[in-house]
Amino acid sequence: MMAFYERHVIRAVPMPDQVKRALDQVGQVYYTMNGPSEFHVVGVTKDWDRTDRLSEIRVPTLITSGRHDESTPRINEVLHKGIVGSEWVLFEHSSHMAHIEEPDLYMPVVRSFVERIETQLK
């Protein structure tokens, strides 16, 4: 499973301490929702799919993902097409944790999105 994580969840080497601590805390919630691993999904979300309800999301939505993400570009494209007016940014050198792997690109994207939405609400 660590080989999968190193390719598709967190590619930073060495793994940052904050990521290690977060992964150590996953525990019972992850097991209940997902199951024992990424490869043996038996939790309560096993068959959960709300793709047909994405159009009900009517708030500004920013979708971020990495080129090597476990949440693949194909998955995120479905989200982007299903949520009207959503924005999707794909980070070319990241997996699931672009905020850790490409913070110099990620943080300005989020900041810009939030600032634009706040300006629209004034």
N, C-alpha and C. Protein backbone atom coordinates (compact mmCIF):
# COMPACT_ATOMS: atom_id res chain seq x y z
N MET A 1 0.82 -1.18 0.00
CA MET A 1 0.00 0.00 0.00
C MET A 1 0.87 1.26 0.00
N MET A 2 2.02 1.20 0.64
CA MET A 2 2.90 2.37 0.66
C MET A 2 3.38 2.73 -0.75
N ALA A 3 3.59 1.75 -1.60
CA ALA A 3 3.99 2.05 -2.98
C ALA A 3 2.89 2.85 -3.69
N PHE A 4 1.65 2.49 -3.47
CA PHE A 4 0.51 3.22 -4.03
C PHE A 4 0.49 4.64 -3.48
N TYR A 5 0.61 4.77 -2.16
CA TYR A 5 0.60 6.10 -1.53
C TYR A 5 1.73 6.97 -2.07
N GLU A 6 2.91 6.39 -2.24
CA GLU A 6 4.06 7.16 -2.73
C GLU A 6 3.89 7.60 -4.17
N ARG A 7 3.06 6.94 -4.93
CA ARG A 7 2.80 7.32 -6.32
C ARG A 7 1.58 8.22 -6.48
N HIS A 8 0.53 7.98 -5.67
CA HIS A 8 -0.75 8.61 -5.93
C HIS A 8 -1.36 9.42 -4.79
N VAL A 9 -0.72 9.41 -3.62
CA VAL A 9 -1.26 10.17 -2.49
C VAL A 9 -0.29 11.27 -2.07
N ILE A 10 0.96 10.92 -1.82
CA ILE A 10 1.95 11.91 -1.43
C ILE A 10 3.31 11.52 -2.02
N ARG A 11 3.76 12.30 -2.98
CA ARG A 11 5.01 11.98 -3.69
C ARG A 11 6.22 12.66 -3.06
N ALA A 12 6.02 13.52 -2.07
CA ALA A 12 7.13 14.21 -1.43
C ALA A 12 7.99 13.20 -0.66
N VAL A 13 9.30 13.27 -0.89
CA VAL A 13 10.25 12.38 -0.22
C VAL A 13 11.30 13.25 0.45
N PRO A 14 11.48 13.09 1.76
CA PRO A 14 10.74 12.19 2.63
C PRO A 14 9.32 12.72 2.87
N MET A 15 8.45 11.83 3.32
CA MET A 15 7.08 12.23 3.61
C MET A 15 7.11 13.25 4.75
N PRO A 16 6.50 14.41 4.55
CA PRO A 16 6.50 15.44 5.59
C PRO A 16 5.84 14.95 6.89
N ASP A 17 6.34 15.44 8.00
CA ASP A 17 5.83 15.01 9.31
C ASP A 17 4.34 15.23 9.46
N GLN A 18 3.82 16.36 8.95
CA GLN A 18 2.39 16.63 9.10
C GLN A 18 1.55 15.60 8.34
N VAL A 19 2.07 15.09 7.23
CA VAL A 19 1.35 14.06 6.48
C VAL A 19 1.40 12.74 7.24
N LYS A 20 2.55 12.40 7.79
CA LYS A 20 2.67 11.18 8.60
C LYS A 20 1.69 11.23 9.76
N ARG A 21 1.65 12.37 10.47
CA ARG A 21 0.74 12.49 11.61
C ARG A 21 -0.71 12.34 11.17
N ALA A 22 -1.06 12.96 10.06
CA ALA A 22 -2.44 12.87 9.57
C ALA A 22 -2.79 11.42 9.21
N LEU A 23 -1.90 10.75 8.51
CA LEU A 23 -2.16 9.35 8.13
C LEU A 23 -2.26 8.46 9.36
N ASP A 24 -1.49 8.76 10.39
CA ASP A 24 -1.55 7.98 11.63
C ASP A 24 -2.89 8.16 12.34
N GLN A 25 -3.59 9.26 12.08
CA GLN A 25 -4.85 9.56 12.77
C GLN A 25 -6.09 9.07 12.03
N VAL A 26 -5.91 8.52 10.85
CA VAL A 26 -7.04 8.13 10.01
C VAL A 26 -7.92 7.09 10.71
N GLY A 27 -7.34 6.02 11.14
CA GLY A 27 -7.96 5.02 11.98
C GLY A 27 -9.38 4.58 11.68
N GLN A 28 -10.21 4.62 12.72
CA GLN A 28 -11.54 4.03 12.70
C GLN A 28 -12.47 4.69 11.69
N VAL A 29 -12.38 5.98 11.52
CA VAL A 29 -13.26 6.66 10.56
C VAL A 29 -13.00 6.15 9.15
N TYR A 30 -11.72 6.07 8.77
CA TYR A 30 -11.36 5.56 7.44
C TYR A 30 -11.85 4.12 7.28
N TYR A 31 -11.60 3.31 8.29
CA TYR A 31 -12.00 1.91 8.22
C TYR A 31 -13.52 1.78 8.05
N THR A 32 -14.28 2.57 8.81
CA THR A 32 -15.74 2.52 8.72
C THR A 32 -16.23 2.98 7.36
N MET A 33 -15.68 4.08 6.87
CA MET A 33 -16.15 4.63 5.60
C MET A 33 -15.64 3.84 4.40
N ASN A 34 -14.37 3.45 4.42
CA ASN A 34 -13.74 2.86 3.25
C ASN A 34 -13.50 1.36 3.39
N GLY A 35 -12.93 0.96 4.49
CA GLY A 35 -12.52 -0.42 4.69
C GLY A 35 -11.06 -0.46 5.10
N PRO A 36 -10.45 -1.62 5.08
CA PRO A 36 -9.07 -1.74 5.58
C PRO A 36 -8.00 -1.10 4.70
N SER A 37 -8.28 -0.88 3.42
CA SER A 37 -7.26 -0.29 2.55
C SER A 37 -7.90 0.24 1.28
N GLU A 38 -7.08 0.91 0.47
CA GLU A 38 -7.53 1.41 -0.82
C GLU A 38 -7.94 0.27 -1.75
N PHE A 39 -7.46 -0.91 -1.46
CA PHE A 39 -7.65 -2.06 -2.35
C PHE A 39 -8.74 -3.02 -1.89
N HIS A 40 -9.28 -2.77 -0.72
CA HIS A 40 -10.32 -3.65 -0.17
C HIS A 40 -11.42 -2.75 0.40
N VAL A 41 -12.20 -2.17 -0.49
CA VAL A 41 -13.24 -1.21 -0.11
C VAL A 41 -14.51 -1.97 0.25
N VAL A 42 -14.81 -1.99 1.54
CA VAL A 42 -15.99 -2.69 2.04
C VAL A 42 -16.78 -1.82 3.01
N GLY A 43 -16.35 -0.55 3.18
CA GLY A 43 -16.98 0.35 4.13
C GLY A 43 -18.32 0.87 3.65
N VAL A 44 -18.91 1.74 4.46
CA VAL A 44 -20.27 2.24 4.19
C VAL A 44 -20.34 3.09 2.92
N THR A 45 -19.22 3.60 2.43
CA THR A 45 -19.25 4.39 1.20
C THR A 45 -18.96 3.56 -0.05
N LYS A 46 -18.87 2.26 0.11
CA LYS A 46 -18.52 1.37 -1.00
C LYS A 46 -19.35 1.64 -2.25
N ASP A 47 -20.65 1.75 -2.10
CA ASP A 47 -21.54 1.94 -3.25
C ASP A 47 -22.12 3.34 -3.32
N TRP A 48 -21.55 4.27 -2.57
CA TRP A 48 -22.06 5.64 -2.53
C TRP A 48 -21.68 6.37 -3.79
N ASP A 49 -22.65 6.90 -4.49
CA ASP A 49 -22.40 7.63 -5.74
C ASP A 49 -23.47 8.71 -5.87
N ARG A 50 -23.04 9.94 -5.95
CA ARG A 50 -23.97 11.05 -6.11
C ARG A 50 -23.70 11.83 -7.40
N THR A 51 -23.08 11.18 -8.35
CA THR A 51 -22.77 11.82 -9.62
C THR A 51 -24.00 12.46 -10.23
N ASP A 52 -25.14 11.79 -10.13
CA ASP A 52 -26.37 12.31 -10.73
C ASP A 52 -26.91 13.54 -10.01
N ARG A 53 -26.31 13.91 -8.86
CA ARG A 53 -26.78 15.07 -8.11
C ARG A 53 -25.79 16.24 -8.15
N LEU A 54 -24.72 16.09 -8.91
CA LEU A 54 -23.72 17.16 -8.96
C LEU A 54 -24.32 18.49 -9.42
N SER A 55 -25.31 18.41 -10.30
CA SER A 55 -25.94 19.64 -10.82
C SER A 55 -26.68 20.42 -9.73
N GLU A 56 -26.91 19.79 -8.60
CA GLU A 56 -27.58 20.48 -7.49
C GLU A 56 -26.62 21.40 -6.73
N ILE A 57 -25.34 21.26 -6.97
CA ILE A 57 -24.36 22.13 -6.31
C ILE A 57 -24.40 23.48 -7.01
N ARG A 58 -24.78 24.49 -6.26
CA ARG A 58 -24.97 25.82 -6.86
C ARG A 58 -24.18 26.88 -6.11
N VAL A 59 -23.01 26.50 -5.66
CA VAL A 59 -22.12 27.45 -4.99
C VAL A 59 -20.80 27.44 -5.75
N PRO A 60 -20.03 28.50 -5.65
CA PRO A 60 -18.73 28.52 -6.32
C PRO A 60 -17.90 27.31 -5.87
N THR A 61 -17.36 26.60 -6.83
CA THR A 61 -16.66 25.35 -6.53
C THR A 61 -15.31 25.33 -7.24
N LEU A 62 -14.28 25.10 -6.45
CA LEU A 62 -12.93 24.92 -6.98
C LEU A 62 -12.55 23.46 -6.79
N ILE A 63 -12.21 22.81 -7.86
CA ILE A 63 -11.77 21.41 -7.84
C ILE A 63 -10.27 21.43 -8.11
N THR A 64 -9.50 20.81 -7.23
CA THR A 64 -8.06 20.70 -7.46
C THR A 64 -7.68 19.23 -7.44
N SER A 65 -6.72 18.92 -8.28
CA SER A 65 -6.21 17.54 -8.30
C SER A 65 -4.82 17.55 -8.90
N GLY A 66 -4.13 16.44 -8.73
CA GLY A 66 -2.80 16.30 -9.28
C GLY A 66 -2.79 15.34 -10.47
N ARG A 67 -1.85 15.53 -11.35
CA ARG A 67 -1.71 14.66 -12.52
C ARG A 67 -1.57 13.20 -12.09
N HIS A 68 -0.94 12.94 -10.95
CA HIS A 68 -0.68 11.57 -10.49
C HIS A 68 -1.60 11.17 -9.35
N ASP A 69 -2.68 11.89 -9.17
CA ASP A 69 -3.61 11.75 -8.06
C ASP A 69 -4.37 10.42 -8.11
N GLU A 70 -4.66 9.88 -6.92
CA GLU A 70 -5.54 8.72 -6.86
C GLU A 70 -6.94 9.11 -7.33
N SER A 71 -7.28 10.37 -7.15
CA SER A 71 -8.51 10.92 -7.72
C SER A 71 -8.11 11.42 -9.12
N THR A 72 -8.22 10.54 -10.07
CA THR A 72 -7.63 10.74 -11.41
C THR A 72 -8.26 11.93 -12.15
N PRO A 73 -7.55 12.44 -13.15
CA PRO A 73 -8.14 13.50 -13.97
C PRO A 73 -9.50 13.10 -14.55
N ARG A 74 -9.68 11.87 -14.88
CA ARG A 74 -10.98 11.42 -15.42
C ARG A 74 -12.10 11.61 -14.39
N ILE A 75 -11.81 11.29 -13.14
CA ILE A 75 -12.80 11.48 -12.06
C ILE A 75 -13.10 12.96 -11.90
N ASN A 76 -12.05 13.78 -11.88
CA ASN A 76 -12.25 15.21 -11.65
C ASN A 76 -12.92 15.89 -12.83
N GLU A 77 -12.73 15.37 -14.01
CA GLU A 77 -13.44 15.89 -15.17
C GLU A 77 -14.95 15.68 -15.01
N VAL A 78 -15.35 14.54 -14.47
CA VAL A 78 -16.77 14.27 -14.21
C VAL A 78 -17.32 15.30 -13.22
N LEU A 79 -16.56 15.57 -12.16
CA LEU A 79 -16.99 16.58 -11.19
C LEU A 79 -17.13 17.94 -11.86
N HIS A 80 -16.12 18.32 -12.60
CA HIS A 80 -16.09 19.63 -13.25
C HIS A 80 -17.26 19.80 -14.22
N LYS A 81 -17.52 18.80 -15.02
CA LYS A 81 -18.64 18.88 -15.97
C LYS A 81 -19.99 18.84 -15.26
N GLY A 82 -20.05 18.17 -14.13
CA GLY A 82 -21.32 18.03 -13.42
C GLY A 82 -21.69 19.22 -12.55
N ILE A 83 -20.69 20.01 -12.13
CA ILE A 83 -20.95 21.17 -11.28
C ILE A 83 -20.85 22.43 -12.14
N VAL A 84 -22.00 22.97 -12.49
CA VAL A 84 -22.05 24.13 -13.39
C VAL A 84 -21.23 25.28 -12.82
N GLY A 85 -20.36 25.84 -13.66
CA GLY A 85 -19.56 26.99 -13.26
C GLY A 85 -18.35 26.65 -12.40
N SER A 86 -18.11 25.37 -12.18
CA SER A 86 -16.95 25.01 -11.36
C SER A 86 -15.66 25.31 -12.09
N GLU A 87 -14.62 25.45 -11.32
CA GLU A 87 -13.28 25.63 -11.86
C GLU A 87 -12.45 24.42 -11.46
N TRP A 88 -11.61 23.96 -12.35
CA TRP A 88 -10.77 22.80 -12.07
C TRP A 88 -9.33 23.15 -12.42
N VAL A 89 -8.44 22.94 -11.45
CA VAL A 89 -7.03 23.16 -11.67
C VAL A 89 -6.30 21.84 -11.45
N LEU A 90 -5.55 21.44 -12.46
CA LEU A 90 -4.78 20.20 -12.41
C LEU A 90 -3.31 20.56 -12.21
N PHE A 91 -2.73 20.08 -11.11
CA PHE A 91 -1.33 20.34 -10.80
C PHE A 91 -0.48 19.22 -11.39
N GLU A 92 0.34 19.60 -12.33
CA GLU A 92 1.08 18.63 -13.16
C GLU A 92 2.11 17.80 -12.40
N HIS A 93 2.61 18.28 -11.29
CA HIS A 93 3.69 17.58 -10.60
C HIS A 93 3.26 17.06 -9.23
N SER A 94 1.96 16.84 -9.06
CA SER A 94 1.44 16.41 -7.77
C SER A 94 0.63 15.13 -7.88
N SER A 95 0.44 14.54 -6.71
CA SER A 95 -0.51 13.45 -6.59
C SER A 95 -1.71 14.02 -5.81
N HIS A 96 -2.14 13.38 -4.75
CA HIS A 96 -3.36 13.79 -4.04
C HIS A 96 -3.14 15.02 -3.16
N MET A 97 -1.91 15.33 -2.84
CA MET A 97 -1.64 16.42 -1.89
C MET A 97 -0.88 17.56 -2.55
N ALA A 98 -1.50 18.18 -3.54
CA ALA A 98 -0.86 19.29 -4.25
C ALA A 98 -0.52 20.43 -3.29
N HIS A 99 -1.30 20.58 -2.23
CA HIS A 99 -1.02 21.65 -1.27
C HIS A 99 0.32 21.43 -0.55
N ILE A 100 0.79 20.19 -0.50
CA ILE A 100 2.08 19.86 0.09
C ILE A 100 3.15 19.79 -1.01
N GLU A 101 2.80 19.21 -2.14
CA GLU A 101 3.77 18.94 -3.20
C GLU A 101 4.09 20.17 -4.07
N GLU A 102 3.11 21.04 -4.28
CA GLU A 102 3.32 22.24 -5.09
C GLU A 102 2.71 23.46 -4.39
N PRO A 103 3.11 23.72 -3.15
CA PRO A 103 2.47 24.82 -2.40
C PRO A 103 2.63 26.19 -3.05
N ASP A 104 3.74 26.42 -3.75
CA ASP A 104 3.95 27.73 -4.38
C ASP A 104 2.98 27.97 -5.53
N LEU A 105 2.41 26.91 -6.09
CA LEU A 105 1.38 27.05 -7.12
C LEU A 105 -0.02 26.91 -6.51
N TYR A 106 -0.16 25.98 -5.60
CA TYR A 106 -1.47 25.66 -5.03
C TYR A 106 -2.06 26.84 -4.25
N MET A 107 -1.28 27.39 -3.34
CA MET A 107 -1.82 28.43 -2.47
C MET A 107 -2.29 29.67 -3.25
N PRO A 108 -1.56 30.16 -4.25
CA PRO A 108 -2.09 31.29 -5.03
C PRO A 108 -3.38 30.95 -5.79
N VAL A 109 -3.52 29.72 -6.23
CA VAL A 109 -4.76 29.32 -6.92
C VAL A 109 -5.94 29.42 -5.96
N VAL A 110 -5.78 28.88 -4.76
CA VAL A 110 -6.86 28.92 -3.77
C VAL A 110 -7.13 30.36 -3.34
N ARG A 111 -6.08 31.12 -3.10
CA ARG A 111 -6.23 32.51 -2.68
C ARG A 111 -6.98 33.31 -3.76
N SER A 112 -6.60 33.14 -5.00
CA SER A 112 -7.24 33.85 -6.09
C SER A 112 -8.72 33.49 -6.20
N PHE A 113 -9.03 32.22 -6.08
CA PHE A 113 -10.41 31.76 -6.15
C PHE A 113 -11.24 32.40 -5.03
N VAL A 114 -10.75 32.34 -3.82
CA VAL A 114 -11.47 32.89 -2.67
C VAL A 114 -11.65 34.40 -2.83
N GLU A 115 -10.61 35.09 -3.24
CA GLU A 115 -10.71 36.54 -3.43
C GLU A 115 -11.72 36.91 -4.50
N ARG A 116 -11.75 36.16 -5.60
CA ARG A 116 -12.72 36.44 -6.67
C ARG A 116 -14.14 36.23 -6.19
N ILE A 117 -14.35 35.16 -5.43
CA ILE A 117 -15.70 34.88 -4.92
C ILE A 117 -16.11 35.92 -3.91
N GLU A 118 -15.20 36.31 -3.02
CA GLU A 118 -15.53 37.35 -2.04
C GLU A 118 -15.87 38.66 -2.73
N THR A 119 -15.16 39.00 -3.79
CA THR A 119 -15.44 40.23 -4.54
C THR A 119 -16.82 40.17 -5.18
N GLN A 120 -17.19 39.02 -5.70
CA GLN A 120 -18.50 38.85 -6.34
C GLN A 120 -19.64 38.98 -5.32
N LEU A 121 -19.37 38.62 -4.09
CA LEU A 121 -20.41 38.64 -3.05
C LEU A 121 -20.62 40.03 -2.45
N LYS A 122 -19.69 40.95 -2.71
CA LYS A 122 -19.82 42.30 -2.13
C LYS A 122 -20.80 43.14 -2.90
